[in-house]
Amino acid sequence: MKKVFKLEDLDCANCAAKMERAIAKIDGVTSATVSFMSQKLTIEADDAKFDSIMQEVVKTCKKVEPDCKIIL
């Protein structure tokens, strides 16, 4: 399943790149793209585990950029 989420308060391109790399390492994630310019997260992941994967994605984003919010 591929979904796109809006991001709020993503402050720098470097943080976006760190988030992208960290999200891509989560088990079940096929691909992840974090765009600083458009403030969007595009994620492709296993349908059966999508909800639990998104919980991990939110935690991962908070570690990299505590102020950033994913609009689910």
N, C-alpha and C. Protein backbone atom coordinates (compact mmCIF):
# COMPACT_ATOMS: atom_id res chain seq x y z
N MET A 1 0.85 -1.18 0.00
CA MET A 1 0.00 0.00 0.00
C MET A 1 0.89 1.24 0.00
N LYS A 2 0.55 2.20 -0.83
CA LYS A 2 1.30 3.45 -0.91
C LYS A 2 0.41 4.59 -0.45
N LYS A 3 0.92 5.38 0.49
CA LYS A 3 0.14 6.51 1.00
C LYS A 3 1.03 7.74 1.10
N VAL A 4 0.39 8.91 1.04
CA VAL A 4 1.08 10.19 1.18
C VAL A 4 0.50 10.92 2.37
N PHE A 5 1.38 11.44 3.23
CA PHE A 5 0.96 12.17 4.43
C PHE A 5 1.58 13.55 4.42
N LYS A 6 0.85 14.52 4.94
CA LYS A 6 1.36 15.89 5.07
C LYS A 6 2.16 15.98 6.36
N LEU A 7 3.25 16.73 6.31
CA LEU A 7 4.08 16.96 7.49
C LEU A 7 3.94 18.41 7.92
N GLU A 8 3.96 18.63 9.23
CA GLU A 8 3.94 19.99 9.78
C GLU A 8 5.20 20.21 10.59
N ASP A 9 5.78 21.40 10.47
CA ASP A 9 6.94 21.82 11.26
C ASP A 9 8.20 21.01 10.99
N LEU A 10 8.39 20.57 9.75
CA LEU A 10 9.65 19.95 9.35
C LEU A 10 10.59 21.10 9.02
N ASP A 11 11.65 21.27 9.82
CA ASP A 11 12.45 22.49 9.76
C ASP A 11 13.62 22.50 8.78
N CYS A 12 14.18 21.33 8.45
CA CYS A 12 15.35 21.39 7.58
C CYS A 12 15.44 20.16 6.68
N ALA A 13 16.12 20.34 5.55
CA ALA A 13 16.28 19.26 4.57
C ALA A 13 17.12 18.13 5.14
N ASN A 14 18.08 18.45 5.99
CA ASN A 14 18.92 17.42 6.60
C ASN A 14 18.07 16.50 7.49
N CYS A 15 17.16 17.07 8.26
CA CYS A 15 16.27 16.26 9.10
C CYS A 15 15.37 15.38 8.24
N ALA A 16 14.90 15.92 7.13
CA ALA A 16 14.07 15.14 6.20
C ALA A 16 14.83 13.93 5.69
N ALA A 17 16.10 14.12 5.34
CA ALA A 17 16.92 13.02 4.85
C ALA A 17 17.16 11.97 5.93
N LYS A 18 17.40 12.43 7.16
CA LYS A 18 17.58 11.50 8.29
C LYS A 18 16.31 10.68 8.53
N MET A 19 15.16 11.36 8.48
CA MET A 19 13.89 10.67 8.66
C MET A 19 13.68 9.62 7.59
N GLU A 20 13.95 10.00 6.35
CA GLU A 20 13.76 9.10 5.22
C GLU A 20 14.59 7.83 5.39
N ARG A 21 15.86 7.99 5.77
CA ARG A 21 16.73 6.82 5.98
C ARG A 21 16.23 5.95 7.13
N ALA A 22 15.81 6.57 8.23
CA ALA A 22 15.35 5.83 9.40
C ALA A 22 14.04 5.08 9.10
N ILE A 23 13.12 5.72 8.39
CA ILE A 23 11.84 5.09 8.05
C ILE A 23 12.06 3.91 7.11
N ALA A 24 12.97 4.06 6.17
CA ALA A 24 13.25 2.99 5.21
C ALA A 24 13.75 1.71 5.89
N LYS A 25 14.36 1.86 7.08
CA LYS A 25 14.89 0.70 7.81
C LYS A 25 13.83 -0.06 8.61
N ILE A 26 12.64 0.52 8.77
CA ILE A 26 11.57 -0.13 9.55
C ILE A 26 11.10 -1.37 8.81
N ASP A 27 10.95 -2.46 9.57
CA ASP A 27 10.51 -3.73 8.99
C ASP A 27 9.12 -3.59 8.36
N GLY A 28 8.99 -3.99 7.11
CA GLY A 28 7.72 -3.92 6.40
C GLY A 28 7.61 -2.74 5.45
N VAL A 29 8.55 -1.78 5.56
CA VAL A 29 8.54 -0.62 4.68
C VAL A 29 9.28 -0.96 3.39
N THR A 30 8.59 -0.80 2.26
CA THR A 30 9.19 -1.06 0.95
C THR A 30 9.99 0.15 0.49
N SER A 31 9.38 1.33 0.62
CA SER A 31 10.09 2.57 0.26
C SER A 31 9.50 3.74 1.05
N ALA A 32 10.34 4.75 1.25
CA ALA A 32 9.91 5.95 1.97
C ALA A 32 10.61 7.16 1.35
N THR A 33 9.84 8.24 1.18
CA THR A 33 10.39 9.49 0.67
C THR A 33 9.86 10.62 1.53
N VAL A 34 10.77 11.44 2.04
CA VAL A 34 10.38 12.62 2.81
C VAL A 34 10.83 13.83 2.01
N SER A 35 9.88 14.66 1.61
CA SER A 35 10.18 15.86 0.83
C SER A 35 10.11 17.09 1.72
N PHE A 36 11.25 17.74 1.90
CA PHE A 36 11.28 18.97 2.70
C PHE A 36 10.54 20.09 1.99
N MET A 37 10.72 20.18 0.67
CA MET A 37 10.10 21.27 -0.09
C MET A 37 8.58 21.21 -0.06
N SER A 38 8.02 20.03 -0.24
CA SER A 38 6.55 19.92 -0.27
C SER A 38 5.97 19.52 1.09
N GLN A 39 6.86 19.26 2.08
CA GLN A 39 6.41 18.88 3.43
C GLN A 39 5.51 17.65 3.38
N LYS A 40 5.97 16.62 2.63
CA LYS A 40 5.18 15.40 2.48
C LYS A 40 6.02 14.16 2.74
N LEU A 41 5.35 13.15 3.28
CA LEU A 41 5.95 11.83 3.48
C LEU A 41 5.20 10.86 2.58
N THR A 42 5.92 10.17 1.71
CA THR A 42 5.32 9.14 0.87
C THR A 42 5.91 7.82 1.35
N ILE A 43 5.02 6.89 1.69
CA ILE A 43 5.47 5.62 2.24
C ILE A 43 4.76 4.47 1.54
N GLU A 44 5.53 3.45 1.22
CA GLU A 44 4.98 2.23 0.64
C GLU A 44 5.36 1.11 1.60
N ALA A 45 4.33 0.39 2.09
CA ALA A 45 4.57 -0.61 3.13
C ALA A 45 3.58 -1.76 3.02
N ASP A 46 3.85 -2.80 3.78
CA ASP A 46 3.03 -4.01 3.83
C ASP A 46 1.61 -3.66 4.30
N ASP A 47 0.60 -4.03 3.50
CA ASP A 47 -0.80 -3.72 3.82
C ASP A 47 -1.23 -4.29 5.17
N ALA A 48 -0.86 -5.53 5.44
CA ALA A 48 -1.33 -6.23 6.63
C ALA A 48 -0.83 -5.57 7.92
N LYS A 49 0.34 -4.94 7.87
CA LYS A 49 0.93 -4.35 9.07
C LYS A 49 1.00 -2.83 9.00
N PHE A 50 0.22 -2.21 8.12
CA PHE A 50 0.37 -0.78 7.87
C PHE A 50 0.17 0.07 9.12
N ASP A 51 -0.84 -0.24 9.93
CA ASP A 51 -1.10 0.57 11.13
C ASP A 51 0.06 0.51 12.12
N SER A 52 0.58 -0.69 12.36
CA SER A 52 1.70 -0.81 13.31
C SER A 52 2.97 -0.17 12.73
N ILE A 53 3.14 -0.25 11.42
CA ILE A 53 4.29 0.39 10.78
C ILE A 53 4.18 1.90 10.95
N MET A 54 3.00 2.46 10.78
CA MET A 54 2.82 3.91 10.92
C MET A 54 3.08 4.37 12.36
N GLN A 55 2.77 3.54 13.34
CA GLN A 55 3.10 3.89 14.73
C GLN A 55 4.61 4.00 14.90
N GLU A 56 5.35 3.09 14.28
CA GLU A 56 6.82 3.14 14.32
C GLU A 56 7.35 4.36 13.57
N VAL A 57 6.71 4.68 12.45
CA VAL A 57 7.12 5.85 11.66
C VAL A 57 6.97 7.13 12.50
N VAL A 58 5.86 7.26 13.21
CA VAL A 58 5.63 8.45 14.05
C VAL A 58 6.70 8.55 15.13
N LYS A 59 7.02 7.43 15.78
CA LYS A 59 8.07 7.43 16.81
C LYS A 59 9.42 7.82 16.23
N THR A 60 9.73 7.28 15.06
CA THR A 60 11.00 7.56 14.40
C THR A 60 11.12 9.04 14.05
N CYS A 61 10.04 9.61 13.53
CA CYS A 61 10.06 11.03 13.17
C CYS A 61 10.25 11.91 14.40
N LYS A 62 9.62 11.56 15.51
CA LYS A 62 9.76 12.32 16.75
C LYS A 62 11.20 12.31 17.27
N LYS A 63 11.90 11.18 17.06
CA LYS A 63 13.30 11.11 17.50
C LYS A 63 14.18 12.06 16.69
N VAL A 64 13.92 12.15 15.40
CA VAL A 64 14.74 13.00 14.52
C VAL A 64 14.36 14.47 14.65
N GLU A 65 13.07 14.75 14.61
CA GLU A 65 12.55 16.12 14.64
C GLU A 65 11.37 16.16 15.60
N PRO A 66 11.62 16.47 16.88
CA PRO A 66 10.56 16.42 17.91
C PRO A 66 9.34 17.29 17.61
N ASP A 67 9.52 18.39 16.88
CA ASP A 67 8.39 19.29 16.60
C ASP A 67 7.56 18.86 15.39
N CYS A 68 8.08 17.96 14.59
CA CYS A 68 7.40 17.55 13.35
C CYS A 68 6.21 16.66 13.66
N LYS A 69 5.10 16.93 12.94
CA LYS A 69 3.89 16.13 13.10
C LYS A 69 3.50 15.54 11.75
N ILE A 70 3.09 14.27 11.78
CA ILE A 70 2.57 13.62 10.58
C ILE A 70 1.05 13.72 10.66
N ILE A 71 0.43 14.30 9.66
CA ILE A 71 -1.02 14.43 9.64
C ILE A 71 -1.60 13.14 9.05
N LEU A 72 -2.12 12.28 9.96
CA LEU A 72 -2.64 10.98 9.53
C LEU A 72 -4.07 11.08 9.08
